[in-house]
Amino acid sequence: MFELKNKEGSSYHFTLKAKNGQVILSSEVYNSKAAAENGIESVKKNASEDGRYERKTAKNGKFFFNLKAGNGQVIGSSQMYSSESGMENGINSVRENAPDAKTKEV
């Protein structure tokens, strides 16, 4: 499930949640609802392509990933994971959940 949230005024942000309610992907802040909705559509479109996932290690040794659009722009980032396998499970969860996820405005 995508949750679309109004941050302040005309700023919007979305998260993708797994079936268990855990946030598996968060977006940047967009300057309009339409831009955030386009971001959601981009996640749905790109989620199934492994080459769109940028796997990274933070300075503290934790693992995370970014999902990128075809133009290389980051459209969503994961939480921090303590293990590489946890990060891969997160990627698989985005792949599995994003393409058919509904959007709820909260």
Protein backbone atom coordinates (compact mmCIF):
# COMPACT_ATOMS: atom_id res chain seq x y z
CA MET A 1 0.00 0.00 0.00
CA PHE A 2 1.26 3.46 -0.90
CA GLU A 3 0.43 6.13 1.64
CA LEU A 4 0.36 9.65 0.23
CA LYS A 5 0.78 12.33 2.89
CA ASN A 6 0.40 16.10 2.79
CA LYS A 7 3.41 17.47 4.64
CA GLU A 8 3.00 21.26 4.80
CA GLY A 9 0.79 23.27 2.50
CA SER A 10 1.37 21.92 -1.01
CA SER A 11 4.22 19.53 -0.10
CA TYR A 12 3.61 15.78 -0.46
CA HIS A 13 5.53 12.64 0.46
CA PHE A 14 4.73 8.95 0.01
CA THR A 15 5.73 5.68 1.59
CA LEU A 16 5.30 2.11 0.41
CA LYS A 17 4.28 -0.30 3.14
CA ALA A 18 4.55 -4.08 3.11
CA LYS A 19 1.55 -6.26 4.00
CA ASN A 20 2.74 -6.29 7.63
CA GLY A 21 2.56 -2.47 7.76
CA GLN A 22 6.33 -1.90 7.75
CA VAL A 23 7.60 1.00 5.61
CA ILE A 24 9.83 -0.44 2.88
CA LEU A 25 10.34 2.66 0.70
CA SER A 26 10.08 6.43 1.31
CA SER A 27 10.03 9.23 -1.23
CA GLU A 28 11.53 12.67 -1.30
CA VAL A 29 9.22 15.62 -0.60
CA TYR A 30 7.38 16.77 -3.73
CA ASN A 31 6.05 20.29 -4.29
CA SER A 32 2.61 19.10 -5.47
CA LYS A 33 0.23 16.19 -5.11
CA ALA A 34 0.44 15.50 -8.85
CA ALA A 35 4.26 15.26 -8.67
CA ALA A 36 4.02 12.79 -5.76
CA GLU A 37 1.45 10.72 -7.68
CA ASN A 38 3.85 10.65 -10.65
CA GLY A 39 6.53 9.42 -8.25
CA ILE A 40 4.27 6.56 -7.15
CA GLU A 41 3.65 5.60 -10.78
CA SER A 42 7.41 5.66 -11.39
CA VAL A 43 8.00 3.30 -8.44
CA LYS A 44 5.36 0.91 -9.83
CA LYS A 45 6.97 1.03 -13.28
CA ASN A 46 10.58 0.58 -12.13
CA ALA A 47 10.16 -1.78 -9.16
CA SER A 48 10.50 -4.99 -11.18
CA GLU A 49 13.85 -4.06 -12.80
CA ASP A 50 16.84 -5.16 -10.71
CA GLY A 51 19.14 -2.65 -12.43
CA ARG A 52 17.09 0.21 -10.97
CA TYR A 53 18.16 -0.66 -7.40
CA GLU A 54 21.27 1.06 -6.09
CA ARG A 55 22.61 -0.95 -3.15
CA LYS A 56 24.62 1.12 -0.67
CA THR A 57 26.41 0.92 2.66
CA ALA A 58 26.16 3.85 5.06
CA LYS A 59 29.11 5.19 7.03
CA ASN A 60 27.79 3.38 10.11
CA GLY A 61 28.02 0.02 8.29
CA LYS A 62 24.25 -0.37 7.78
CA PHE A 63 22.81 -1.24 4.39
CA PHE A 64 20.15 0.57 2.35
CA PHE A 65 18.99 0.94 -1.21
CA ASN A 66 17.65 3.57 -3.56
CA LEU A 67 15.19 2.86 -6.35
CA LYS A 68 16.02 4.93 -9.41
CA ALA A 69 14.00 5.91 -12.46
CA GLY A 70 15.25 5.33 -15.99
CA ASN A 71 16.84 8.80 -15.96
CA GLY A 72 18.89 7.90 -12.87
CA GLN A 73 16.88 10.06 -10.45
CA VAL A 74 16.19 8.52 -7.02
CA ILE A 75 12.45 7.96 -6.58
CA GLY A 76 12.56 6.17 -3.25
CA SER A 77 14.93 5.12 -0.47
CA SER A 78 14.75 2.27 2.00
CA GLN A 79 15.21 2.18 5.73
CA MET A 80 18.57 1.09 7.15
CA TYR A 81 19.21 -2.63 7.46
CA SER A 82 21.72 -4.31 9.76
CA SER A 83 22.56 -6.97 7.16
CA GLU A 84 22.97 -7.22 3.41
CA SER A 85 20.43 -10.05 3.32
CA GLY A 86 17.90 -7.83 5.10
CA MET A 87 18.43 -5.19 2.43
CA GLU A 88 17.91 -7.80 -0.32
CA ASN A 89 14.68 -8.90 1.40
CA GLY A 90 13.58 -5.25 1.36
CA ILE A 91 14.28 -5.01 -2.37
CA ASN A 92 12.30 -8.20 -2.96
CA SER A 93 9.44 -6.78 -0.92
CA VAL A 94 9.36 -3.60 -3.05
CA ARG A 95 9.44 -5.76 -6.21
CA GLU A 96 6.57 -7.85 -4.89
CA ASN A 97 4.38 -5.12 -3.38
CA ALA A 98 4.82 -1.99 -5.52
CA PRO A 99 3.49 -2.88 -8.99
CA ASP A 100 -0.10 -3.58 -7.88
CA ALA A 101 -0.23 -1.51 -4.68
CA LYS A 102 -3.18 0.77 -4.09
CA THR A 103 -2.69 4.37 -2.94
CA LYS A 104 -4.33 5.76 0.19
CA GLU A 105 -4.20 9.44 1.10
CA VAL A 106 -3.55 9.94 4.81
